Amino acid sequence: MPLQTDTPADLIAKYPPAPVPILNGKPNPAYVAWAQALAALHIAKSLQIIDARWLNTTRG
């Protein structure tokens, strides 16, 4: 199976922009969850638990 390359639209659909960090003067729960997921992904990639082919993306 050939490696698929994502179009910009695919990447936008997979990785939505960050939610607003502060909502009504408090941390936005959606932003907290987004940041935690991003951090977990970064740590996993750093430890090479997940490699770029599995993620099917060229994001570094």
N, C-alpha and C. Protein backbone atom coordinates (compact mmCIF):
# COMPACT_ATOMS: atom_id res chain seq x y z
N MET A 1 0.84 -1.19 0.00
CA MET A 1 0.00 0.00 0.00
C MET A 1 0.89 1.25 0.00
N PRO A 2 0.75 2.11 -0.98
CA PRO A 2 1.61 3.30 -1.04
C PRO A 2 1.29 4.28 0.09
N LEU A 3 2.29 5.01 0.51
CA LEU A 3 2.11 6.01 1.56
C LEU A 3 1.27 7.16 1.01
N GLN A 4 0.21 7.47 1.72
CA GLN A 4 -0.68 8.55 1.30
C GLN A 4 -0.12 9.88 1.74
N THR A 5 -0.29 10.88 0.91
CA THR A 5 0.09 12.23 1.34
C THR A 5 -1.19 13.02 1.57
N ASP A 6 -1.22 13.72 2.66
CA ASP A 6 -2.41 14.49 3.01
C ASP A 6 -2.41 15.83 2.30
N THR A 7 -3.57 16.21 1.83
CA THR A 7 -3.73 17.55 1.27
C THR A 7 -3.88 18.53 2.43
N PRO A 8 -3.70 19.82 2.20
CA PRO A 8 -3.91 20.78 3.30
C PRO A 8 -5.30 20.65 3.93
N ALA A 9 -6.32 20.37 3.12
CA ALA A 9 -7.67 20.21 3.67
C ALA A 9 -7.75 19.01 4.60
N ASP A 10 -7.05 17.92 4.25
CA ASP A 10 -7.02 16.74 5.12
C ASP A 10 -6.37 17.08 6.45
N LEU A 11 -5.26 17.81 6.39
CA LEU A 11 -4.55 18.17 7.61
C LEU A 11 -5.40 19.08 8.50
N ILE A 12 -6.12 20.01 7.88
CA ILE A 12 -6.99 20.90 8.66
C ILE A 12 -8.09 20.09 9.33
N ALA A 13 -8.62 19.09 8.62
CA ALA A 13 -9.67 18.25 9.20
C ALA A 13 -9.12 17.40 10.35
N LYS A 14 -7.88 16.91 10.19
CA LYS A 14 -7.28 16.06 11.23
C LYS A 14 -6.81 16.87 12.42
N TYR A 15 -6.24 18.03 12.15
CA TYR A 15 -5.67 18.85 13.21
C TYR A 15 -6.35 20.21 13.23
N PRO A 16 -7.49 20.29 13.91
CA PRO A 16 -8.17 21.58 13.94
C PRO A 16 -7.33 22.62 14.68
N PRO A 17 -7.56 23.88 14.40
CA PRO A 17 -6.80 24.92 15.10
C PRO A 17 -7.09 24.87 16.60
N ALA A 18 -6.19 25.43 17.36
CA ALA A 18 -6.35 25.42 18.81
C ALA A 18 -7.62 26.17 19.22
N PRO A 19 -8.35 25.62 20.18
CA PRO A 19 -9.49 26.38 20.70
C PRO A 19 -8.99 27.62 21.45
N VAL A 20 -9.88 28.52 21.77
CA VAL A 20 -9.53 29.73 22.52
C VAL A 20 -9.03 29.31 23.91
N PRO A 21 -7.82 29.76 24.33
CA PRO A 21 -7.30 29.31 25.62
C PRO A 21 -8.13 29.75 26.82
N ILE A 22 -8.62 30.99 26.79
CA ILE A 22 -9.39 31.50 27.93
C ILE A 22 -10.82 31.78 27.48
N LEU A 23 -11.77 31.22 28.21
CA LEU A 23 -13.18 31.38 27.88
C LEU A 23 -13.88 31.90 29.13
N ASN A 24 -14.48 33.06 29.04
CA ASN A 24 -15.15 33.69 30.19
C ASN A 24 -14.23 33.81 31.40
N GLY A 25 -12.98 34.16 31.16
CA GLY A 25 -12.04 34.38 32.25
C GLY A 25 -11.47 33.13 32.89
N LYS A 26 -11.81 31.94 32.36
CA LYS A 26 -11.32 30.68 32.91
C LYS A 26 -10.66 29.89 31.78
N PRO A 27 -9.77 28.94 32.14
CA PRO A 27 -9.20 28.10 31.08
C PRO A 27 -10.31 27.33 30.36
N ASN A 28 -10.24 27.32 29.05
CA ASN A 28 -11.23 26.62 28.24
C ASN A 28 -10.93 25.12 28.29
N PRO A 29 -11.88 24.28 28.76
CA PRO A 29 -11.61 22.83 28.83
C PRO A 29 -11.22 22.22 27.48
N ALA A 30 -11.79 22.75 26.40
CA ALA A 30 -11.44 22.23 25.07
C ALA A 30 -9.97 22.53 24.75
N TYR A 31 -9.49 23.71 25.17
CA TYR A 31 -8.09 24.06 24.94
C TYR A 31 -7.17 23.18 25.77
N VAL A 32 -7.54 22.95 27.02
CA VAL A 32 -6.73 22.10 27.90
C VAL A 32 -6.61 20.70 27.30
N ALA A 33 -7.72 20.14 26.83
CA ALA A 33 -7.70 18.80 26.23
C ALA A 33 -6.86 18.79 24.96
N TRP A 34 -6.99 19.85 24.15
CA TRP A 34 -6.21 19.95 22.91
C TRP A 34 -4.72 20.00 23.22
N ALA A 35 -4.34 20.82 24.20
CA ALA A 35 -2.93 20.97 24.56
C ALA A 35 -2.37 19.67 25.13
N GLN A 36 -3.16 18.96 25.94
CA GLN A 36 -2.71 17.69 26.51
C GLN A 36 -2.51 16.65 25.41
N ALA A 37 -3.44 16.60 24.45
CA ALA A 37 -3.31 15.64 23.35
C ALA A 37 -2.08 15.95 22.51
N LEU A 38 -1.84 17.23 22.25
CA LEU A 38 -0.68 17.63 21.46
C LEU A 38 0.62 17.28 22.20
N ALA A 39 0.63 17.54 23.51
CA ALA A 39 1.82 17.22 24.31
C ALA A 39 2.07 15.72 24.34
N ALA A 40 1.01 14.93 24.51
CA ALA A 40 1.16 13.47 24.54
C ALA A 40 1.69 12.95 23.20
N LEU A 41 1.19 13.51 22.11
CA LEU A 41 1.65 13.11 20.78
C LEU A 41 3.13 13.47 20.60
N HIS A 42 3.51 14.66 21.04
CA HIS A 42 4.90 15.10 20.92
C HIS A 42 5.83 14.19 21.73
N ILE A 43 5.42 13.86 22.95
CA ILE A 43 6.24 12.98 23.81
C ILE A 43 6.36 11.60 23.17
N ALA A 44 5.24 11.07 22.69
CA ALA A 44 5.27 9.75 22.07
C ALA A 44 6.18 9.73 20.85
N LYS A 45 6.12 10.78 20.04
CA LYS A 45 6.99 10.85 18.86
C LYS A 45 8.45 11.00 19.29
N SER A 46 8.69 11.77 20.35
CA SER A 46 10.05 11.96 20.83
C SER A 46 10.65 10.64 21.30
N LEU A 47 9.82 9.82 21.92
CA LEU A 47 10.28 8.53 22.42
C LEU A 47 10.22 7.45 21.34
N GLN A 48 9.78 7.85 20.16
CA GLN A 48 9.65 6.97 19.01
C GLN A 48 8.67 5.83 19.26
N ILE A 49 7.67 6.09 20.11
CA ILE A 49 6.60 5.12 20.32
C ILE A 49 5.71 5.11 19.07
N ILE A 50 5.55 6.29 18.51
CA ILE A 50 4.74 6.44 17.30
C ILE A 50 5.67 7.00 16.23
N ASP A 51 5.69 6.41 15.06
CA ASP A 51 6.52 7.01 14.02
C ASP A 51 5.64 7.68 12.97
N ALA A 52 6.25 8.49 12.16
CA ALA A 52 5.49 9.34 11.23
C ALA A 52 4.68 8.53 10.24
N ARG A 53 5.15 7.33 9.89
CA ARG A 53 4.38 6.53 8.93
C ARG A 53 3.07 6.09 9.55
N TRP A 54 3.09 5.75 10.84
CA TRP A 54 1.86 5.33 11.50
C TRP A 54 0.88 6.49 11.56
N LEU A 55 1.39 7.69 11.80
CA LEU A 55 0.53 8.87 11.86
C LEU A 55 0.05 9.29 10.48
N ASN A 56 0.74 8.80 9.43
CA ASN A 56 0.41 9.14 8.05
C ASN A 56 0.44 10.65 7.84
N THR A 57 1.48 11.28 8.36
CA THR A 57 1.61 12.72 8.20
C THR A 57 3.08 13.08 8.14
N THR A 58 3.37 14.22 7.56
CA THR A 58 4.76 14.66 7.48
C THR A 58 5.05 15.73 8.51
N ARG A 59 4.10 16.01 9.38
CA ARG A 59 4.33 17.03 10.40
C ARG A 59 5.46 16.59 11.32
N GLY A 60 6.34 17.54 11.64
CA GLY A 60 7.49 17.22 12.46
C GLY A 60 7.18 17.35 13.91
